[in-house]
Amino acid sequence: MAHHQIRDDAGRSRRVQFHAPVRFENIRGPWRLSIALEAPIVTWGKDEHLFAYLHDFDLRSVQLILDHYRQTTWDRRGASAYPFGGGR
């Protein structure tokens, strides 16, 4: 896995981008999915300083990310969203 820094006009580091293959274990601390750039990205770190495009994660990691979102959706909706267990 490689990464490089994106710098602003003053030469300060703005973001650090991780390149394929990125693993879920590279994410440290809280993270979120964003569409701030031209494709979905996962951001993490202080001030979301670190990021990787979703398509740069390996297949196992993409599945883990989607599973986290699925579980969060189920937790938010509660049992009333799936009264007969159809969603799980």
C-alpha atoms as a PDB file:
ATOM      1  CA  MET A   1       0.000   0.000   0.000  1.00  0.00           C
ATOM      2  CA  ALA A   2       1.351   3.383  -0.984  1.00  0.00           C
ATOM      3  CA  HIS A   3       0.263   6.837   0.051  1.00  0.00           C
ATOM      4  CA  HIS A   4       1.113  10.410  -0.817  1.00  0.00           C
ATOM      5  CA  GLN A   5       0.319  13.868   0.475  1.00  0.00           C
ATOM      6  CA  ILE A   6      -1.808  16.425  -1.320  1.00  0.00           C
ATOM      7  CA  ARG A   7      -0.462  19.920  -0.671  1.00  0.00           C
ATOM      8  CA  ASP A   8      -2.086  23.342  -0.905  1.00  0.00           C
ATOM      9  CA  ASP A   9      -0.577  26.403  -2.642  1.00  0.00           C
ATOM     10  CA  ALA A  10       1.542  27.238   0.415  1.00  0.00           C
ATOM     11  CA  GLY A  11       3.077  23.758   0.415  1.00  0.00           C
ATOM     12  CA  ARG A  12       1.243  22.591   3.547  1.00  0.00           C
ATOM     13  CA  SER A  13      -0.016  19.042   3.632  1.00  0.00           C
ATOM     14  CA  ARG A  14      -3.795  19.045   3.261  1.00  0.00           C
ATOM     15  CA  ARG A  15      -4.597  15.337   3.044  1.00  0.00           C
ATOM     16  CA  VAL A  16      -2.838  12.018   2.865  1.00  0.00           C
ATOM     17  CA  GLN A  17      -4.213   9.644   0.261  1.00  0.00           C
ATOM     18  CA  PHE A  18      -3.769   5.882   0.553  1.00  0.00           C
ATOM     19  CA  HIS A  19      -3.581   3.879  -2.688  1.00  0.00           C
ATOM     20  CA  ALA A  20      -4.628   0.327  -3.566  1.00  0.00           C
ATOM     21  CA  PRO A  21      -4.582  -2.109  -2.049  1.00  0.00           C
ATOM     22  CA  VAL A  22      -5.898  -0.488   1.127  1.00  0.00           C
ATOM     23  CA  ARG A  23      -7.015  -2.714   4.005  1.00  0.00           C
ATOM     24  CA  PHE A  24      -9.676  -1.990   6.595  1.00  0.00           C
ATOM     25  CA  GLU A  25      -6.951  -2.283   9.239  1.00  0.00           C
ATOM     26  CA  ASN A  26      -5.299   0.873   7.832  1.00  0.00           C
ATOM     27  CA  ILE A  27      -8.197   2.898   9.227  1.00  0.00           C
ATOM     28  CA  ARG A  28      -7.392   4.162  12.712  1.00  0.00           C
ATOM     29  CA  GLY A  29     -10.117   5.589  14.902  1.00  0.00           C
ATOM     30  CA  PRO A  30     -13.478   6.951  13.780  1.00  0.00           C
ATOM     31  CA  TRP A  31     -14.126   6.971  10.047  1.00  0.00           C
ATOM     32  CA  ARG A  32     -16.885   7.906   7.633  1.00  0.00           C
ATOM     33  CA  LEU A  33     -17.847   7.585   4.010  1.00  0.00           C
ATOM     34  CA  SER A  34     -17.885  10.803   2.013  1.00  0.00           C
ATOM     35  CA  ILE A  35     -18.514  11.928  -1.538  1.00  0.00           C
ATOM     36  CA  ALA A  36     -16.479  15.119  -1.129  1.00  0.00           C
ATOM     37  CA  LEU A  37     -14.241  14.208  -4.061  1.00  0.00           C
ATOM     38  CA  GLU A  38     -15.262  12.789  -7.442  1.00  0.00           C
ATOM     39  CA  ALA A  39     -15.875   9.273  -6.079  1.00  0.00           C
ATOM     40  CA  PRO A  40     -16.827   7.795  -2.671  1.00  0.00           C
ATOM     41  CA  ILE A  41     -13.983   8.011  -0.158  1.00  0.00           C
ATOM     42  CA  VAL A  42     -13.413   6.766   3.361  1.00  0.00           C
ATOM     43  CA  THR A  43     -11.935   9.455   5.605  1.00  0.00           C
ATOM     44  CA  TRP A  44     -10.397   9.092   9.059  1.00  0.00           C
ATOM     45  CA  GLY A  45      -7.868  10.672  11.381  1.00  0.00           C
ATOM     46  CA  LYS A  46      -7.680  14.109  12.917  1.00  0.00           C
ATOM     47  CA  ASP A  47      -9.812  16.489  10.852  1.00  0.00           C
ATOM     48  CA  GLU A  48     -10.341  13.631   8.368  1.00  0.00           C
ATOM     49  CA  HIS A  49      -6.793  14.220   7.178  1.00  0.00           C
ATOM     50  CA  LEU A  50      -6.398  10.660   5.843  1.00  0.00           C
ATOM     51  CA  PHE A  51      -8.461   9.157   3.052  1.00  0.00           C
ATOM     52  CA  ALA A  52      -8.722   6.414   0.465  1.00  0.00           C
ATOM     53  CA  TYR A  53     -11.116   5.957  -2.402  1.00  0.00           C
ATOM     54  CA  LEU A  54     -13.603   3.196  -1.720  1.00  0.00           C
ATOM     55  CA  HIS A  55     -12.531   1.397  -4.898  1.00  0.00           C
ATOM     56  CA  ASP A  56      -8.928   1.275  -3.612  1.00  0.00           C
ATOM     57  CA  PHE A  57      -9.893  -0.990  -0.685  1.00  0.00           C
ATOM     58  CA  ASP A  58      -9.527  -4.738  -1.143  1.00  0.00           C
ATOM     59  CA  LEU A  59     -12.759  -6.739  -1.509  1.00  0.00           C
ATOM     60  CA  ARG A  60     -12.761  -7.954   2.096  1.00  0.00           C
ATOM     61  CA  SER A  61     -12.431  -4.387   3.357  1.00  0.00           C
ATOM     62  CA  VAL A  62     -15.235  -3.088   1.112  1.00  0.00           C
ATOM     63  CA  GLN A  63     -17.453  -5.854   2.506  1.00  0.00           C
ATOM     64  CA  LEU A  64     -16.548  -4.864   6.087  1.00  0.00           C
ATOM     65  CA  ILE A  65     -17.308  -1.198   5.369  1.00  0.00           C
ATOM     66  CA  LEU A  66     -20.688  -2.074   3.833  1.00  0.00           C
ATOM     67  CA  ASP A  67     -21.474  -4.432   6.729  1.00  0.00           C
ATOM     68  CA  HIS A  68     -20.814  -1.588   9.194  1.00  0.00           C
ATOM     69  CA  TYR A  69     -23.257   0.641   7.320  1.00  0.00           C
ATOM     70  CA  ARG A  70     -25.838  -2.146   7.106  1.00  0.00           C
ATOM     71  CA  GLN A  71     -25.627  -2.795  10.855  1.00  0.00           C
ATOM     72  CA  THR A  72     -25.876   0.911  11.631  1.00  0.00           C
ATOM     73  CA  THR A  73     -28.988   1.187   9.453  1.00  0.00           C
ATOM     74  CA  TRP A  74     -30.609  -1.787  11.186  1.00  0.00           C
ATOM     75  CA  ASP A  75     -29.727  -0.374  14.617  1.00  0.00           C
ATOM     76  CA  ARG A  76     -31.193   3.013  13.715  1.00  0.00           C
ATOM     77  CA  ARG A  77     -34.429   1.601  12.275  1.00  0.00           C
ATOM     78  CA  GLY A  78     -34.963  -0.874  15.090  1.00  0.00           C
ATOM     79  CA  ALA A  79     -37.103  -4.014  15.153  1.00  0.00           C
ATOM     80  CA  SER A  80     -40.144  -2.243  13.694  1.00  0.00           C
ATOM     81  CA  ALA A  81     -38.401  -1.946  10.312  1.00  0.00           C
ATOM     82  CA  TYR A  82     -38.159  -5.757  10.066  1.00  0.00           C
ATOM     83  CA  PRO A  83     -41.058  -7.164  12.112  1.00  0.00           C
ATOM     84  CA  PHE A  84     -40.630 -10.682  10.712  1.00  0.00           C
ATOM     85  CA  GLY A  85     -36.833 -10.695  10.558  1.00  0.00           C
ATOM     86  CA  GLY A  86     -36.810 -10.201   6.764  1.00  0.00           C
ATOM     87  CA  GLY A  87     -34.009  -7.646   6.769  1.00  0.00           C
ATOM     88  CA  ARG A  88     -31.482  -9.727   8.629  1.00  0.00           C
END
